[in-house]
């Protein structure tokens, strides 16, 4: 029997085919036959894994969301290894939502295309809602961490700020999808940086400990 990894690889191969068709021709042009052709597999194999076009689209939007989350996690981890402030970690993560290279342009286009389709499809709407809530929850947790370390001022509502910063990043991503010139990219980054500075204005307790340790060493 084929291993689970083989099944996952086949599904990913098919989903990647759907993504290419969707980016090139639009979601409305996605078909089982077109996905099979782009993925280099038979229509029968696609139908073996997916009983309907809706199932295929649901798995595709899931793959887009997972790729975005993994890249956000990696960006935050890189910033954390540099002992960055939470403010900087969050800015690094948010900018992964921007269409600033080929991969992110594809993901942003697909994400917004699926969001439009989700208005008319309950299953896609549920996946989109959960993904949006997951991003907002991650942002809210970063604000809570900031409250604990001192970067965020007491009285700040983490859930409200989490919702606001994700909404800001989403709006900027949509604008960049239409026009991503050099100035527009710089303005988008500056907008996120300014918002993070406003949400995380305080000194981090960890920074104070490092400064005190350096002073003691001298």
N, C-alpha and C. Protein backbone atom coordinates (compact mmCIF):
# COMPACT_ATOMS: atom_id res chain seq x y z
N UNK A 1 0.84 -1.20 0.00
CA UNK A 1 0.00 0.00 0.00
C UNK A 1 0.87 1.26 0.00
N UNK A 2 0.47 2.28 -0.72
CA UNK A 2 1.25 3.53 -0.71
C UNK A 2 1.31 4.12 0.69
N UNK A 3 2.40 4.70 1.02
CA UNK A 3 2.53 5.33 2.32
C UNK A 3 1.72 6.61 2.39
N UNK A 4 1.42 7.03 3.63
CA UNK A 4 0.68 8.28 3.83
C UNK A 4 1.40 9.45 3.17
N UNK A 5 2.73 9.44 3.26
CA UNK A 5 3.51 10.52 2.66
C UNK A 5 3.29 10.59 1.15
N UNK A 6 3.11 9.42 0.52
CA UNK A 6 2.86 9.39 -0.92
C UNK A 6 1.52 10.04 -1.24
N UNK A 7 0.51 9.73 -0.43
CA UNK A 7 -0.81 10.34 -0.62
C UNK A 7 -0.73 11.86 -0.46
N UNK A 8 0.00 12.29 0.56
CA UNK A 8 0.14 13.73 0.80
C UNK A 8 0.86 14.40 -0.36
N UNK A 9 1.88 13.74 -0.88
CA UNK A 9 2.63 14.30 -2.01
C UNK A 9 1.74 14.40 -3.25
N UNK A 10 0.90 13.40 -3.47
CA UNK A 10 -0.02 13.44 -4.61
C UNK A 10 -1.03 14.57 -4.46
N UNK A 11 -1.57 14.69 -3.26
CA UNK A 11 -2.54 15.77 -3.01
C UNK A 11 -1.89 17.13 -3.24
N UNK A 12 -0.67 17.27 -2.75
CA UNK A 12 0.03 18.55 -2.91
C UNK A 12 0.30 18.82 -4.39
N UNK A 13 0.66 17.79 -5.13
CA UNK A 13 0.89 17.94 -6.57
C UNK A 13 -0.37 18.44 -7.28
N UNK A 14 -1.50 17.86 -6.91
CA UNK A 14 -2.77 18.26 -7.52
C UNK A 14 -3.15 19.68 -7.11
N UNK A 15 -3.00 19.98 -5.83
CA UNK A 15 -3.35 21.31 -5.32
C UNK A 15 -2.47 22.37 -5.96
N UNK A 16 -1.20 22.07 -6.13
CA UNK A 16 -0.30 23.04 -6.79
C UNK A 16 -0.76 23.30 -8.22
N UNK A 17 -1.28 22.26 -8.87
CA UNK A 17 -1.83 22.45 -10.21
C UNK A 17 -3.03 23.39 -10.19
N UNK A 18 -3.90 23.22 -9.20
CA UNK A 18 -5.05 24.11 -9.05
C UNK A 18 -4.59 25.54 -8.84
N UNK A 19 -3.58 25.72 -8.02
CA UNK A 19 -3.10 27.06 -7.73
C UNK A 19 -2.57 27.73 -8.99
N UNK A 20 -1.87 26.99 -9.81
CA UNK A 20 -1.34 27.57 -11.05
C UNK A 20 -2.47 27.96 -12.00
N UNK A 21 -3.46 27.10 -12.11
CA UNK A 21 -4.61 27.42 -12.97
C UNK A 21 -5.33 28.66 -12.44
N UNK A 22 -5.53 28.71 -11.12
CA UNK A 22 -6.26 29.82 -10.52
C UNK A 22 -5.53 31.14 -10.71
N UNK A 23 -4.21 31.12 -10.57
CA UNK A 23 -3.43 32.35 -10.73
C UNK A 23 -3.42 32.80 -12.19
N UNK A 24 -3.32 31.86 -13.10
CA UNK A 24 -3.24 32.19 -14.52
C UNK A 24 -4.59 32.56 -15.12
N UNK A 25 -5.61 31.76 -14.80
CA UNK A 25 -6.91 31.91 -15.46
C UNK A 25 -8.03 32.37 -14.54
N UNK A 26 -7.81 32.32 -13.22
CA UNK A 26 -8.86 32.70 -12.28
C UNK A 26 -9.55 31.47 -11.69
N UNK A 27 -10.08 31.63 -10.48
CA UNK A 27 -10.72 30.51 -9.80
C UNK A 27 -11.92 29.97 -10.57
N UNK A 28 -12.62 30.85 -11.25
CA UNK A 28 -13.82 30.42 -11.98
C UNK A 28 -13.49 29.45 -13.11
N UNK A 29 -12.22 29.43 -13.54
CA UNK A 29 -11.82 28.57 -14.66
C UNK A 29 -11.24 27.24 -14.19
N UNK A 30 -11.18 27.04 -12.88
CA UNK A 30 -10.64 25.79 -12.36
C UNK A 30 -11.63 24.65 -12.61
N UNK A 31 -11.14 23.56 -13.18
CA UNK A 31 -11.93 22.35 -13.38
C UNK A 31 -11.09 21.15 -12.95
N UNK A 32 -11.74 20.02 -12.75
CA UNK A 32 -11.01 18.80 -12.39
C UNK A 32 -10.04 18.43 -13.52
N UNK A 33 -10.50 18.56 -14.76
CA UNK A 33 -9.65 18.23 -15.90
C UNK A 33 -8.48 19.19 -16.03
N UNK A 34 -8.75 20.48 -15.81
CA UNK A 34 -7.68 21.47 -15.89
C UNK A 34 -6.65 21.28 -14.80
N UNK A 35 -7.11 20.94 -13.59
CA UNK A 35 -6.19 20.69 -12.49
C UNK A 35 -5.32 19.48 -12.79
N UNK A 36 -5.94 18.43 -13.35
CA UNK A 36 -5.19 17.23 -13.69
C UNK A 36 -4.13 17.53 -14.75
N UNK A 37 -4.51 18.27 -15.76
CA UNK A 37 -3.58 18.61 -16.84
C UNK A 37 -2.40 19.43 -16.31
N UNK A 38 -2.68 20.41 -15.49
CA UNK A 38 -1.62 21.27 -14.95
C UNK A 38 -0.73 20.51 -13.99
N UNK A 39 -1.30 19.56 -13.25
CA UNK A 39 -0.52 18.78 -12.28
C UNK A 39 0.22 17.62 -12.93
N UNK A 40 -0.13 17.33 -14.19
CA UNK A 40 0.53 16.23 -14.88
C UNK A 40 0.06 14.86 -14.43
N UNK A 41 -1.21 14.77 -14.04
CA UNK A 41 -1.78 13.49 -13.60
C UNK A 41 -3.08 13.25 -14.37
N UNK A 42 -3.67 12.09 -14.17
CA UNK A 42 -4.91 11.77 -14.85
C UNK A 42 -6.10 12.37 -14.11
N UNK A 43 -7.19 12.58 -14.84
CA UNK A 43 -8.42 13.05 -14.21
C UNK A 43 -8.90 12.03 -13.19
N UNK A 44 -8.70 10.75 -13.50
CA UNK A 44 -9.11 9.69 -12.57
C UNK A 44 -8.40 9.80 -11.24
N UNK A 45 -7.11 10.18 -11.26
CA UNK A 45 -6.38 10.31 -10.00
C UNK A 45 -6.92 11.48 -9.19
N UNK A 46 -7.22 12.59 -9.87
CA UNK A 46 -7.81 13.73 -9.16
C UNK A 46 -9.13 13.32 -8.53
N UNK A 47 -9.95 12.59 -9.26
CA UNK A 47 -11.25 12.15 -8.75
C UNK A 47 -11.10 11.12 -7.64
N UNK A 48 -9.98 10.40 -7.64
CA UNK A 48 -9.72 9.45 -6.56
C UNK A 48 -9.55 10.17 -5.23
N UNK A 49 -8.89 11.33 -5.27
CA UNK A 49 -8.64 12.08 -4.04
C UNK A 49 -9.73 13.10 -3.72
N UNK A 50 -10.41 13.58 -4.74
CA UNK A 50 -11.41 14.64 -4.54
C UNK A 50 -12.70 14.27 -5.26
N UNK A 51 -13.78 14.17 -4.51
CA UNK A 51 -15.05 13.75 -5.09
C UNK A 51 -15.77 14.88 -5.81
N UNK A 52 -15.34 16.11 -5.58
CA UNK A 52 -16.00 17.26 -6.22
C UNK A 52 -15.02 18.41 -6.38
N UNK A 53 -15.38 19.35 -7.22
CA UNK A 53 -14.57 20.55 -7.39
C UNK A 53 -14.51 21.33 -6.08
N UNK A 54 -15.60 21.33 -5.33
CA UNK A 54 -15.60 22.04 -4.05
C UNK A 54 -14.57 21.46 -3.10
N UNK A 55 -14.49 20.13 -3.02
CA UNK A 55 -13.48 19.49 -2.17
C UNK A 55 -12.08 19.91 -2.60
N UNK A 56 -11.87 19.99 -3.90
CA UNK A 56 -10.57 20.38 -4.44
C UNK A 56 -10.23 21.82 -4.06
N UNK A 57 -11.21 22.71 -4.15
CA UNK A 57 -10.98 24.11 -3.80
C UNK A 57 -10.74 24.27 -2.30
N UNK A 58 -11.48 23.51 -1.49
CA UNK A 58 -11.30 23.59 -0.04
C UNK A 58 -9.88 23.17 0.34
N UNK A 59 -9.38 22.10 -0.26
CA UNK A 59 -8.02 21.66 0.05
C UNK A 59 -7.00 22.66 -0.46
N UNK A 60 -7.31 23.32 -1.56
CA UNK A 60 -6.40 24.32 -2.10
C UNK A 60 -6.31 25.54 -1.20
N UNK A 61 -7.44 26.03 -0.72
CA UNK A 61 -7.40 27.20 0.16
C UNK A 61 -6.71 26.83 1.47
N UNK A 62 -6.88 25.59 1.91
CA UNK A 62 -6.19 25.15 3.12
C UNK A 62 -4.68 25.19 2.92
N UNK A 63 -4.22 24.78 1.74
CA UNK A 63 -2.78 24.77 1.47
C UNK A 63 -2.23 26.19 1.43
N UNK A 64 -3.00 27.12 0.87
CA UNK A 64 -2.57 28.52 0.83
C UNK A 64 -2.41 29.06 2.25
N UNK A 65 -3.40 28.81 3.08
CA UNK A 65 -3.36 29.29 4.46
C UNK A 65 -2.19 28.68 5.23
N UNK A 66 -1.97 27.38 5.04
CA UNK A 66 -0.87 26.72 5.75
C UNK A 66 0.48 27.28 5.32
N UNK A 67 0.65 27.54 4.03
CA UNK A 67 1.92 28.10 3.55
C UNK A 67 2.17 29.48 4.15
N UNK A 68 1.13 30.29 4.23
CA UNK A 68 1.27 31.63 4.81
C UNK A 68 1.65 31.53 6.28
N UNK A 69 0.97 30.68 7.03
CA UNK A 69 1.24 30.53 8.46
C UNK A 69 2.67 30.05 8.70
N UNK A 70 3.13 29.10 7.88
CA UNK A 70 4.50 28.60 8.04
C UNK A 70 5.52 29.69 7.78
N UNK A 71 5.27 30.53 6.78
CA UNK A 71 6.22 31.60 6.48
C UNK A 71 6.20 32.67 7.56
N UNK A 72 5.03 32.98 8.10
CA UNK A 72 4.94 33.93 9.21
C UNK A 72 5.71 33.40 10.41
N UNK A 73 5.51 32.12 10.73
CA UNK A 73 6.22 31.51 11.85
C UNK A 73 7.73 31.59 11.65
N UNK A 74 8.18 31.32 10.43
CA UNK A 74 9.62 31.36 10.15
C UNK A 74 10.18 32.77 10.30
N UNK A 75 9.43 33.77 9.85
CA UNK A 75 9.89 35.16 9.96
C UNK A 75 9.98 35.58 11.42
N UNK A 76 8.99 35.20 12.21
CA UNK A 76 9.00 35.54 13.64
C UNK A 76 10.16 34.83 14.33
N UNK A 77 10.39 33.56 13.98
CA UNK A 77 11.48 32.80 14.60
C UNK A 77 12.83 33.42 14.28
N UNK A 78 13.01 33.88 13.04
CA UNK A 78 14.28 34.54 12.68
C UNK A 78 14.49 35.80 13.51
N UNK A 79 13.43 36.58 13.68
CA UNK A 79 13.54 37.80 14.48
C UNK A 79 13.82 37.47 15.94
N UNK A 80 13.22 36.40 16.42
CA UNK A 80 13.43 36.01 17.82
C UNK A 80 14.87 35.58 18.06
N UNK A 81 15.45 34.89 17.08
CA UNK A 81 16.84 34.47 17.23
C UNK A 81 17.79 35.66 17.27
N UNK A 82 17.35 36.79 16.72
CA UNK A 82 18.17 38.02 16.79
C UNK A 82 17.87 38.81 18.06
N UNK A 83 17.08 38.21 18.96
CA UNK A 83 16.68 38.88 20.21
C UNK A 83 15.96 40.19 19.93
N UNK A 84 15.15 40.19 18.89
CA UNK A 84 14.39 41.39 18.53
C UNK A 84 13.28 41.64 19.54
N UNK A 85 12.80 42.88 19.58
CA UNK A 85 11.64 43.20 20.38
C UNK A 85 10.40 42.52 19.78
N UNK A 86 9.38 42.34 20.61
CA UNK A 86 8.13 41.78 20.12
C UNK A 86 7.59 42.66 19.00
N UNK A 87 7.73 43.95 19.15
CA UNK A 87 7.33 44.91 18.11
C UNK A 87 7.92 44.54 16.76
N UNK A 88 9.22 44.21 16.75
CA UNK A 88 9.91 43.88 15.50
C UNK A 88 9.52 42.49 14.99
N UNK A 89 9.32 41.55 15.92
CA UNK A 89 8.87 40.22 15.51
C UNK A 89 7.52 40.30 14.81
N UNK A 90 6.63 41.10 15.38
CA UNK A 90 5.29 41.21 14.82
C UNK A 90 5.32 41.90 13.46
N UNK A 91 6.13 42.93 13.34
CA UNK A 91 6.25 43.61 12.05
C UNK A 91 6.78 42.66 10.98
N UNK A 92 7.75 41.84 11.36
CA UNK A 92 8.31 40.87 10.41
C UNK A 92 7.25 39.87 9.97
N UNK A 93 6.42 39.42 10.91
CA UNK A 93 5.37 38.48 10.57
C UNK A 93 4.30 39.10 9.69
N UNK A 94 3.89 40.31 10.01
CA UNK A 94 2.84 40.98 9.24
C UNK A 94 3.26 41.23 7.80
N UNK A 95 4.53 41.56 7.61
CA UNK A 95 4.99 41.86 6.25
C UNK A 95 5.04 40.61 5.37
N UNK A 96 4.92 39.43 5.99
CA UNK A 96 4.83 38.22 5.18
C UNK A 96 3.49 38.12 4.46
N UNK A 97 2.53 38.94 4.88
CA UNK A 97 1.23 38.97 4.21
C UNK A 97 1.25 39.85 2.96
N UNK A 98 2.32 40.60 2.77
CA UNK A 98 2.41 41.52 1.64
C UNK A 98 2.90 40.80 0.37
N UNK A 99 2.35 41.14 -0.79
CA UNK A 99 2.78 40.52 -2.05
C UNK A 99 4.06 41.16 -2.59
N UNK A 100 5.18 40.85 -1.94
CA UNK A 100 6.44 41.52 -2.27
C UNK A 100 7.40 40.65 -3.08
N UNK A 101 7.03 39.42 -3.37
CA UNK A 101 7.82 38.57 -4.26
C UNK A 101 6.84 37.64 -4.98
N UNK A 102 7.36 36.82 -5.87
CA UNK A 102 6.47 35.98 -6.69
C UNK A 102 5.60 35.06 -5.84
N UNK A 103 6.21 34.43 -4.87
CA UNK A 103 5.46 33.49 -4.03
C UNK A 103 4.36 34.19 -3.26
N UNK A 104 4.70 35.31 -2.65
CA UNK A 104 3.70 36.03 -1.85
C UNK A 104 2.64 36.70 -2.73
N UNK A 105 3.02 37.11 -3.94
CA UNK A 105 2.01 37.65 -4.86
C UNK A 105 0.98 36.57 -5.21
N UNK A 106 1.46 35.37 -5.48
CA UNK A 106 0.55 34.26 -5.79
C UNK A 106 -0.38 34.00 -4.61
N UNK A 107 0.19 33.91 -3.42
CA UNK A 107 -0.62 33.61 -2.24
C UNK A 107 -1.63 34.71 -1.95
N UNK A 108 -1.20 35.96 -2.09
CA UNK A 108 -2.11 37.07 -1.82
C UNK A 108 -3.25 37.10 -2.83
N UNK A 109 -2.90 36.87 -4.08
CA UNK A 109 -3.95 36.84 -5.11
C UNK A 109 -4.94 35.71 -4.84
N UNK A 110 -4.42 34.54 -4.51
CA UNK A 110 -5.30 33.40 -4.23
C UNK A 110 -6.14 33.64 -2.98
N UNK A 111 -5.50 34.19 -1.97
CA UNK A 111 -6.24 34.44 -0.73
C UNK A 111 -7.41 35.38 -0.96
N UNK A 112 -7.18 36.45 -1.69
CA UNK A 112 -8.26 37.41 -1.93
C UNK A 112 -9.30 36.85 -2.91
N UNK A 113 -8.86 36.04 -3.85
CA UNK A 113 -9.81 35.41 -4.76
C UNK A 113 -10.72 34.44 -4.00
N UNK A 114 -10.12 33.67 -3.12
CA UNK A 114 -10.91 32.74 -2.31
C UNK A 114 -11.84 33.47 -1.36
N UNK A 115 -11.40 34.62 -0.86
CA UNK A 115 -12.26 35.41 0.04
C UNK A 115 -13.52 35.85 -0.69
N UNK A 116 -13.37 36.24 -1.95
CA UNK A 116 -14.54 36.63 -2.73
C UNK A 116 -15.47 35.45 -2.97
N UNK A 117 -14.88 34.31 -3.31
CA UNK A 117 -15.69 33.10 -3.55
C UNK A 117 -16.36 32.62 -2.27
N UNK A 118 -15.70 32.86 -1.13
CA UNK A 118 -16.23 32.40 0.15
C UNK A 118 -17.53 33.10 0.53
N UNK A 119 -17.79 34.26 -0.06
CA UNK A 119 -19.04 34.96 0.21
C UNK A 119 -20.25 34.16 -0.28
N UNK A 120 -19.99 33.24 -1.21
CA UNK A 120 -21.08 32.46 -1.80
C UNK A 120 -20.95 30.96 -1.52
N UNK A 121 -19.94 30.57 -0.74
CA UNK A 121 -19.72 29.15 -0.46
C UNK A 121 -19.47 28.96 1.03
N UNK A 122 -20.35 28.23 1.68
CA UNK A 122 -20.28 28.12 3.14
C UNK A 122 -19.00 27.44 3.62
N UNK A 123 -18.56 26.39 2.92
CA UNK A 123 -17.36 25.68 3.36
C UNK A 123 -16.12 26.55 3.22
N UNK A 124 -16.01 27.23 2.10
CA UNK A 124 -14.87 28.13 1.92
C UNK A 124 -14.93 29.28 2.90
N UNK A 125 -16.13 29.77 3.17
CA UNK A 125 -16.31 30.86 4.14
C UNK A 125 -15.81 30.43 5.51
N UNK A 126 -16.10 29.19 5.91
CA UNK A 126 -15.66 28.70 7.21
C UNK A 126 -14.14 28.63 7.29
N UNK A 127 -13.50 28.16 6.23
CA UNK A 127 -12.03 28.09 6.22
C UNK A 127 -11.43 29.50 6.26
N UNK A 128 -12.01 30.42 5.51
CA UNK A 128 -11.51 31.79 5.49
C UNK A 128 -11.67 32.44 6.86
N UNK A 129 -12.83 32.22 7.48
CA UNK A 129 -13.10 32.81 8.79
C UNK A 129 -12.11 32.28 9.83
N UNK A 130 -11.88 30.97 9.82
CA UNK A 130 -10.97 30.39 10.81
C UNK A 130 -9.54 30.89 10.61
N UNK A 131 -9.14 31.04 9.36
CA UNK A 131 -7.79 31.54 9.09
C UNK A 131 -7.66 32.97 9.57
N UNK A 132 -8.62 33.82 9.25
CA UNK A 132 -8.59 35.22 9.69
C UNK A 132 -8.56 35.30 11.22
N UNK A 133 -9.36 34.47 11.87
CA UNK A 133 -9.39 34.47 13.33
C UNK A 133 -8.07 33.97 13.91
N UNK A 134 -7.44 33.02 13.22
CA UNK A 134 -6.15 32.51 13.68
C UNK A 134 -5.08 33.60 13.61
N UNK A 135 -5.05 34.35 12.52
CA UNK A 135 -4.09 35.44 12.40
C UNK A 135 -4.32 36.49 13.48
N UNK A 136 -5.58 36.86 13.70
CA UNK A 136 -5.90 37.86 14.72
C UNK A 136 -5.54 37.35 16.11
N UNK A 137 -5.75 36.06 16.37
CA UNK A 137 -5.41 35.49 17.67
C UNK A 137 -3.90 35.49 17.90
N UNK A 138 -3.14 35.21 16.85
CA UNK A 138 -1.68 35.26 16.96
C UNK A 138 -1.22 36.67 17.29
N UNK A 139 -1.81 37.65 16.60
CA UNK A 139 -1.45 39.04 16.86
C UNK A 139 -1.83 39.44 18.27
N UNK A 140 -3.01 39.01 18.72
CA UNK A 140 -3.45 39.33 20.08
C UNK A 140 -2.51 38.73 21.12
N UNK A 141 -2.03 37.51 20.86
CA UNK A 141 -1.11 36.88 21.80
C UNK A 141 0.21 37.65 21.87
N UNK A 142 0.65 38.17 20.74
CA UNK A 142 1.87 38.98 20.75
C UNK A 142 1.68 40.23 21.61
N UNK A 143 0.49 40.83 21.53
CA UNK A 143 0.21 42.01 22.37
C UNK A 143 0.19 41.61 23.84
N UNK A 144 -0.39 40.45 24.15
CA UNK A 144 -0.39 39.97 25.55
C UNK A 144 1.04 39.76 26.04
N UNK A 145 1.88 39.19 25.19
CA UNK A 145 3.28 39.02 25.57
C UNK A 145 3.94 40.37 25.80
N UNK A 146 3.57 41.35 24.99
CA UNK A 146 4.10 42.69 25.17
C UNK A 146 3.66 43.32 26.48
N UNK A 147 2.44 43.03 26.89
CA UNK A 147 1.96 43.52 28.19
C UNK A 147 2.79 42.93 29.32
N UNK A 148 3.15 41.66 29.20
CA UNK A 148 3.92 41.00 30.25
C UNK A 148 5.34 41.54 30.34
N UNK A 149 5.95 41.84 29.19
CA UNK A 149 7.35 42.27 29.22
C UNK A 149 7.51 43.78 29.33
N UNK A 150 6.42 44.52 29.13
CA UNK A 150 6.49 45.97 29.29
C UNK A 150 6.47 46.77 28.01
N UNK A 151 6.51 46.12 26.86
CA UNK A 151 6.49 46.86 25.60
C UNK A 151 5.13 47.50 25.33
N UNK A 152 4.07 46.88 25.83
CA UNK A 152 2.71 47.37 25.62
C UNK A 152 2.20 48.02 26.91
N UNK A 153 1.54 49.14 26.76
CA UNK A 153 1.07 49.89 27.92
C UNK A 153 -0.11 49.18 28.59
N UNK A 154 -0.19 49.23 29.93
CA UNK A 154 -1.33 48.65 30.64
C UNK A 154 -2.64 49.26 30.14
N UNK A 155 -3.68 48.44 30.11
CA UNK A 155 -4.97 48.91 29.65
C UNK A 155 -5.24 48.67 28.18
N UNK A 156 -4.21 48.25 27.45
CA UNK A 156 -4.39 47.94 26.03
C UNK A 156 -5.20 46.66 25.88
N UNK A 157 -6.14 46.65 24.96
CA UNK A 157 -6.97 45.47 24.71
C UNK A 157 -6.29 44.61 23.63
N UNK A 158 -5.74 43.45 24.00
CA UNK A 158 -5.02 42.63 23.02
C UNK A 158 -5.88 42.19 21.84
N UNK A 159 -7.12 41.80 22.12
CA UNK A 159 -7.99 41.31 21.04
C UNK A 159 -8.31 42.43 20.05
N UNK A 160 -8.56 43.62 20.57
CA UNK A 160 -8.85 44.75 19.69
C UNK A 160 -7.65 45.09 18.83
N UNK A 161 -6.47 45.13 19.46
CA UNK A 161 -5.26 45.47 18.70
C UNK A 161 -4.91 44.38 17.70
N UNK A 162 -5.12 43.11 18.10
CA UNK A 162 -4.86 42.01 17.17
C UNK A 162 -5.72 42.12 15.93
N UNK A 163 -7.00 42.40 16.14
CA UNK A 163 -7.92 42.57 15.01
C UNK A 163 -7.50 43.76 14.14
N UNK A 164 -7.11 44.85 14.79
CA UNK A 164 -6.78 46.07 14.05
C UNK A 164 -5.52 45.90 13.20
N UNK A 165 -4.49 45.27 13.75
CA UNK A 165 -3.24 45.18 12.99
C UNK A 165 -3.36 44.19 11.83
N UNK A 166 -4.13 43.12 12.02
CA UNK A 166 -4.35 42.19 10.91
C UNK A 166 -5.19 42.86 9.82
N UNK A 167 -6.17 43.64 10.24
CA UNK A 167 -6.99 44.37 9.26
C UNK A 167 -6.14 45.36 8.48
N UNK A 168 -5.21 46.03 9.17
CA UNK A 168 -4.30 46.96 8.50
C UNK A 168 -3.45 46.21 7.47
N UNK A 169 -2.86 45.10 7.88
CA UNK A 169 -2.00 44.34 6.97
C UNK A 169 -2.78 43.81 5.78
N UNK A 170 -4.00 43.34 6.03
CA UNK A 170 -4.84 42.84 4.93
C UNK A 170 -5.16 43.95 3.93
N UNK A 171 -5.51 45.11 4.45
CA UNK A 171 -5.83 46.23 3.57
C UNK A 171 -4.64 46.67 2.74
N UNK A 172 -3.47 46.73 3.37
CA UNK A 172 -2.26 47.10 2.64
C UNK A 172 -1.92 46.04 1.59
N UNK A 173 -2.11 44.77 1.93
CA UNK A 173 -1.84 43.69 0.98
C UNK A 173 -2.73 43.82 -0.25
N UNK A 174 -4.00 44.14 -0.03
CA UNK A 174 -4.93 44.31 -1.15
C UNK A 174 -4.51 45.47 -2.04
N UNK A 175 -4.06 46.57 -1.42
CA UNK A 175 -3.61 47.72 -2.20
C UNK A 175 -2.36 47.36 -3.02
N UNK A 176 -1.43 46.64 -2.38
CA UNK A 176 -0.20 46.27 -3.07
C UNK A 176 -0.47 45.28 -4.20
N UNK A 177 -1.52 44.51 -4.06
CA UNK A 177 -1.87 43.56 -5.11
C UNK A 177 -2.23 44.30 -6.40
N UNK A 178 -2.80 45.48 -6.25
CA UNK A 178 -3.18 46.28 -7.41
C UNK A 178 -2.02 47.13 -7.92
N UNK A 179 -1.18 47.62 -7.00
CA UNK A 179 -0.07 48.49 -7.40
C UNK A 179 1.04 48.35 -6.36
N UNK A 180 2.12 47.68 -6.74
CA UNK A 180 3.21 47.42 -5.80
C UNK A 180 4.51 48.02 -6.31
N UNK A 181 4.48 49.33 -6.58
CA UNK A 181 5.70 50.03 -6.97
C UNK A 181 6.62 50.21 -5.78
N UNK A 182 7.80 50.75 -6.05
CA UNK A 182 8.79 50.91 -4.98
C UNK A 182 8.25 51.79 -3.85
N UNK A 183 7.62 52.90 -4.19
CA UNK A 183 7.09 53.79 -3.16
C UNK A 183 5.97 53.12 -2.37
N UNK A 184 5.10 52.42 -3.08
CA UNK A 184 3.98 51.77 -2.41
C UNK A 184 4.47 50.70 -1.42
N UNK A 185 5.47 49.95 -1.82
CA UNK A 185 6.03 48.93 -0.92
C UNK A 185 6.64 49.58 0.31
N UNK A 186 7.36 50.69 0.09
CA UNK A 186 7.96 51.40 1.22
C UNK A 186 6.89 51.98 2.14
N UNK A 187 5.83 52.53 1.57
CA UNK A 187 4.75 53.09 2.38
C UNK A 187 4.07 52.00 3.21
N UNK A 188 3.87 50.84 2.62
CA UNK A 188 3.22 49.74 3.34
C UNK A 188 4.07 49.30 4.52
N UNK A 189 5.37 49.15 4.29
CA UNK A 189 6.26 48.76 5.39
C UNK A 189 6.27 49.84 6.47
N UNK A 190 6.30 51.10 6.05
CA UNK A 190 6.32 52.20 7.01
C UNK A 190 5.04 52.24 7.83
N UNK A 191 3.91 51.93 7.20
CA UNK A 191 2.63 51.93 7.92
C UNK A 191 2.62 50.87 9.00
N UNK A 192 3.14 49.69 8.70
CA UNK A 192 3.21 48.61 9.69
C UNK A 192 4.18 48.98 10.80
N UNK A 193 5.33 49.52 10.43
CA UNK A 193 6.33 49.91 11.43
C UNK A 193 5.76 50.96 12.38
N UNK A 194 5.05 51.95 11.83
CA UNK A 194 4.47 53.01 12.66
C UNK A 194 3.40 52.45 13.59
N UNK A 195 2.58 51.55 13.07
CA UNK A 195 1.53 50.97 13.91
C UNK A 195 2.13 50.13 15.03
N UNK A 196 3.16 49.37 14.73
CA UNK A 196 3.81 48.56 15.76
C UNK A 196 4.46 49.45 16.82
N UNK A 197 5.05 50.55 16.40
CA UNK A 197 5.65 51.48 17.37
C UNK A 197 4.59 52.05 18.29
N UNK A 198 3.38 52.27 17.76
CA UNK A 198 2.30 52.82 18.58
C UNK A 198 1.75 51.78 19.56
N UNK A 199 1.71 50.53 19.13
CA UNK A 199 1.17 49.46 19.99
C UNK A 199 2.20 49.02 21.02
N UNK A 200 3.48 49.07 20.67
CA UNK A 200 4.56 48.59 21.54
C UNK A 200 5.52 49.73 21.88
N UNK A 201 5.07 50.76 22.62
CA UNK A 201 5.91 51.93 22.85
C UNK A 201 6.91 51.78 24.00
N UNK A 202 6.70 50.81 24.87
CA UNK A 202 7.49 50.73 26.09
C UNK A 202 8.76 49.92 25.95
N UNK A 203 9.67 50.05 26.93
CA UNK A 203 10.88 49.23 26.95
C UNK A 203 10.55 47.82 27.43
N UNK A 204 11.21 46.84 26.87
CA UNK A 204 10.99 45.46 27.29
C UNK A 204 11.85 45.15 28.52
N UNK A 205 11.28 44.44 29.46
CA UNK A 205 12.01 44.09 30.68
C UNK A 205 13.27 43.30 30.35
N UNK A 206 13.21 42.49 29.30
CA UNK A 206 14.37 41.71 28.89
C UNK A 206 15.51 42.62 28.46
N UNK A 207 15.17 43.71 27.75
CA UNK A 207 16.19 44.66 27.32
C UNK A 207 16.86 45.31 28.52
N UNK A 208 16.06 45.64 29.53
CA UNK A 208 16.61 46.27 30.73
C UNK A 208 17.57 45.33 31.43
N UNK A 209 17.22 44.03 31.49
CA UNK A 209 18.09 43.06 32.15
C UNK A 209 19.41 42.92 31.41
N UNK A 210 19.34 42.95 30.06
CA UNK A 210 20.56 42.84 29.27
C UNK A 210 21.45 44.06 29.50
N UNK A 211 20.84 45.25 29.54
CA UNK A 211 21.63 46.47 29.78
C UNK A 211 22.25 46.44 31.17
N UNK A 212 21.49 45.98 32.16
CA UNK A 212 22.03 45.91 33.52
C UNK A 212 23.18 44.92 33.60
N UNK A 213 23.03 43.79 32.90
CA UNK A 213 24.09 42.78 32.91
C UNK A 213 25.35 43.32 32.24
N UNK A 214 25.17 44.06 31.14
CA UNK A 214 26.32 44.65 30.46
C UNK A 214 27.02 45.68 31.35
N UNK A 215 26.20 46.45 32.09
CA UNK A 215 26.77 47.46 32.97
C UNK A 215 27.55 46.81 34.10
N UNK A 216 27.02 45.71 34.64
CA UNK A 216 27.70 45.00 35.72
C UNK A 216 29.02 44.41 35.24
N UNK A 217 29.01 43.95 33.98
CA UNK A 217 30.22 43.34 33.43
C UNK A 217 31.33 44.36 33.28
N UNK A 218 30.94 45.61 32.98
CA UNK A 218 31.93 46.67 32.85
C UNK A 218 32.46 47.06 34.23
